[in-house]
Amino acid sequence: MPPSTTRPTRWDATALPAKKAALRKARKPAVLPKSDGDAGVQTYIDSMEPWQAAIARHVDGLVAQRVPGVRKAIRWHCPFYGVDGQGWFLAFNAFQYHVKFTFFKGTSLKPVPPVGRQDDARSLDVREADDFDDAQFARWTEQAAALPGWDGAASPSRKTQARR
């Protein structure tokens, strides 16, 4: 896919100056039970602050567009995206000042997403006043969906393995 020539997406839902928008705290989204399918993901998105929901809806649409037949679910109270037979490749969660998108095999993506130090996972934190690079996120999504994903199993951590 060629680099995008369009301007990055902005989440200026309230028309406040960027500094004030970045300082506004968000309430926690709904705590939802484990479920499969799009309905739970949309319920989670609907429970978010409007600026967070705008970001999440945009990414949800990008993922659905780039990964035909994407599997959606609520696991550990947040939306997960995966490919049948391959596992989960992406999850997101809303926080007070940002929405965190985590690629479970993020260290295998080019370029590596900027946030994280734990095992293979890497994340992108998106705040209300941030620009969003649709083309880069789409490339990460396509790369992540093509990799064997995380199966959600409670595999032993590195610390546990080191003690054995």
Protein backbone atom coordinates (compact mmCIF):
# COMPACT_ATOMS: atom_id res chain seq x y z
CA MET A 1 0.00 0.00 0.00
CA PRO A 2 1.50 3.39 -0.95
CA PRO A 3 2.04 5.98 1.79
CA SER A 4 -1.02 8.06 2.56
CA THR A 5 -1.16 11.53 1.08
CA THR A 6 -4.11 12.56 3.24
CA ARG A 7 -3.79 14.48 6.48
CA PRO A 8 -3.74 12.43 9.69
CA THR A 9 -7.05 11.99 11.48
CA ARG A 10 -7.71 14.35 14.43
CA TRP A 11 -10.02 13.63 17.38
CA ASP A 12 -11.02 17.20 18.19
CA ALA A 13 -14.56 16.25 19.20
CA THR A 14 -14.97 19.17 21.59
CA ALA A 15 -13.15 21.97 19.75
CA LEU A 16 -11.09 22.71 22.86
CA PRO A 17 -7.47 23.78 22.50
CA ALA A 18 -5.15 20.75 22.39
CA LYS A 19 -3.65 21.39 25.84
CA LYS A 20 -7.05 21.55 27.54
CA ALA A 21 -8.34 18.52 25.61
CA ALA A 22 -5.30 16.46 26.58
CA LEU A 23 -5.82 17.25 30.27
CA ARG A 24 -9.47 16.21 30.43
CA LYS A 25 -9.98 12.95 32.33
CA ALA A 26 -12.25 10.26 30.96
CA ARG A 27 -14.47 7.98 32.98
CA LYS A 28 -13.87 4.25 32.80
CA PRO A 29 -15.74 2.38 30.07
CA ALA A 30 -18.15 -0.44 30.90
CA VAL A 31 -16.80 -3.62 32.46
CA LEU A 32 -18.21 -6.28 30.18
CA PRO A 33 -18.28 -10.05 30.55
CA LYS A 34 -16.44 -12.34 28.16
CA SER A 35 -18.27 -12.59 24.83
CA ASP A 36 -17.69 -13.37 21.16
CA GLY A 37 -18.72 -11.23 18.21
CA ASP A 38 -19.09 -7.61 17.24
CA ALA A 39 -21.96 -6.79 19.64
CA GLY A 40 -19.77 -6.77 22.75
CA VAL A 41 -17.09 -4.69 21.04
CA GLN A 42 -19.68 -2.10 19.97
CA THR A 43 -21.16 -2.02 23.49
CA TYR A 44 -17.70 -1.34 24.90
CA ILE A 45 -17.09 1.44 22.34
CA ASP A 46 -20.50 2.98 23.09
CA SER A 47 -19.60 3.13 26.81
CA MET A 48 -16.46 5.21 26.17
CA GLU A 49 -16.16 8.99 26.30
CA PRO A 50 -17.12 10.53 22.93
CA TRP A 51 -13.53 11.35 21.95
CA GLN A 52 -12.37 7.84 22.90
CA ALA A 53 -15.29 6.26 21.06
CA ALA A 54 -14.41 8.25 17.92
CA ILE A 55 -10.88 6.83 18.02
CA ALA A 56 -12.08 3.29 18.75
CA ARG A 57 -14.77 3.35 16.01
CA HIS A 58 -12.23 4.58 13.51
CA VAL A 59 -9.77 1.80 14.39
CA ASP A 60 -12.56 -0.80 14.49
CA GLY A 61 -13.47 0.21 10.94
CA LEU A 62 -9.83 0.11 9.80
CA VAL A 63 -9.38 -3.38 11.21
CA ALA A 64 -12.61 -4.66 9.63
CA GLN A 65 -11.57 -3.17 6.29
CA ARG A 66 -8.01 -4.56 6.35
CA VAL A 67 -8.72 -8.00 7.83
CA PRO A 68 -11.69 -9.64 6.08
CA GLY A 69 -13.50 -11.99 8.46
CA VAL A 70 -11.76 -10.57 11.53
CA ARG A 71 -12.83 -12.26 14.75
CA LYS A 72 -13.98 -9.84 17.47
CA ALA A 73 -14.53 -10.58 21.15
CA ILE A 74 -14.45 -9.19 24.66
CA ARG A 75 -11.73 -10.79 26.74
CA TRP A 76 -10.42 -9.52 30.08
CA HIS A 77 -13.02 -6.71 29.85
CA CYS A 78 -11.69 -5.18 26.61
CA PRO A 79 -12.06 -5.67 22.84
CA PHE A 80 -9.83 -8.21 21.09
CA TYR A 81 -9.31 -8.81 17.36
CA GLY A 82 -8.08 -12.06 15.87
CA VAL A 83 -8.01 -14.44 12.96
CA ASP A 84 -9.67 -17.85 13.28
CA GLY A 85 -7.05 -20.54 13.75
CA GLN A 86 -4.26 -17.99 14.34
CA GLY A 87 -5.13 -16.31 17.64
CA TRP A 88 -5.44 -12.69 18.74
CA PHE A 89 -3.37 -9.94 17.15
CA LEU A 90 -4.78 -6.70 18.64
CA ALA A 91 -6.62 -5.45 21.72
CA PHE A 92 -7.47 -2.02 23.04
CA ASN A 93 -8.46 -0.41 26.29
CA ALA A 94 -9.55 3.08 27.30
CA PHE A 95 -7.68 4.98 30.00
CA GLN A 96 -8.16 8.42 31.53
CA TYR A 97 -6.10 10.32 28.98
CA HIS A 98 -5.61 7.89 26.08
CA VAL A 99 -6.73 4.77 24.26
CA LYS A 100 -4.08 2.02 24.17
CA PHE A 101 -3.91 -0.27 21.13
CA THR A 102 -1.73 -3.32 21.82
CA PHE A 103 -0.34 -5.59 19.12
CA PHE A 104 0.47 -8.90 20.77
CA LYS A 105 3.34 -9.66 18.36
CA GLY A 106 4.36 -6.01 18.09
CA THR A 107 8.10 -6.63 18.12
CA SER A 108 7.66 -8.43 14.78
CA LEU A 109 6.05 -5.41 13.10
CA LYS A 110 7.95 -2.93 10.93
CA PRO A 111 8.43 -0.35 12.28
CA VAL A 112 7.88 -1.56 15.83
CA PRO A 113 5.04 0.35 17.58
CA PRO A 114 6.50 2.84 20.07
CA VAL A 115 5.20 1.77 23.51
CA GLY A 116 6.07 -1.30 25.56
CA ARG A 117 8.79 -3.41 27.08
CA GLN A 118 6.97 -6.62 27.94
CA ASP A 119 7.77 -9.73 25.91
CA ASP A 120 6.56 -9.39 22.30
CA ALA A 121 3.71 -6.92 22.81
CA ARG A 122 3.99 -3.31 21.66
CA SER A 123 1.39 -0.56 21.82
CA LEU A 124 0.28 2.77 20.48
CA ASP A 125 -1.27 5.28 22.90
CA VAL A 126 -3.66 7.73 21.22
CA ARG A 127 -4.76 10.89 23.05
CA GLU A 128 -7.62 13.18 22.11
CA ALA A 129 -5.34 15.88 20.66
CA ASP A 130 -3.10 13.43 18.76
CA ASP A 131 -2.85 13.05 15.03
CA PHE A 132 -3.47 9.49 13.89
CA ASP A 133 -1.58 7.94 10.98
CA ASP A 134 -4.20 5.78 9.26
CA ALA A 135 -1.74 4.35 6.76
CA GLN A 136 0.77 3.24 9.42
CA PHE A 137 -1.91 1.70 11.62
CA ALA A 138 -3.32 -0.13 8.59
CA ARG A 139 0.15 -1.53 7.78
CA TRP A 140 0.60 -2.70 11.37
CA THR A 141 -2.85 -4.30 11.32
CA GLU A 142 -2.16 -6.19 8.09
CA GLN A 143 1.25 -7.36 9.33
CA ALA A 144 -0.12 -8.43 12.73
CA ALA A 145 -3.07 -10.32 11.24
CA ALA A 146 -0.70 -12.29 8.99
CA LEU A 147 1.39 -13.52 11.95
CA PRO A 148 0.52 -16.38 14.31
CA GLY A 149 -1.25 -14.49 17.09
CA TRP A 150 -1.52 -14.84 20.83
CA ASP A 151 -3.72 -17.77 21.81
CA GLY A 152 -4.80 -16.29 25.13
CA ALA A 153 -3.43 -19.26 27.05
CA ALA A 154 -1.98 -18.65 30.46
CA SER A 155 1.54 -19.52 29.45
CA PRO A 156 4.20 -19.29 32.13
CA SER A 157 5.96 -15.96 32.35
CA ARG A 158 9.69 -15.62 31.84
CA LYS A 159 10.17 -15.18 35.59
CA THR A 160 8.33 -18.47 36.25
CA GLN A 161 10.37 -20.25 33.60
CA ALA A 162 13.63 -18.88 35.05
CA ARG A 163 12.78 -20.33 38.50
CA ARG A 164 12.36 -23.85 37.12
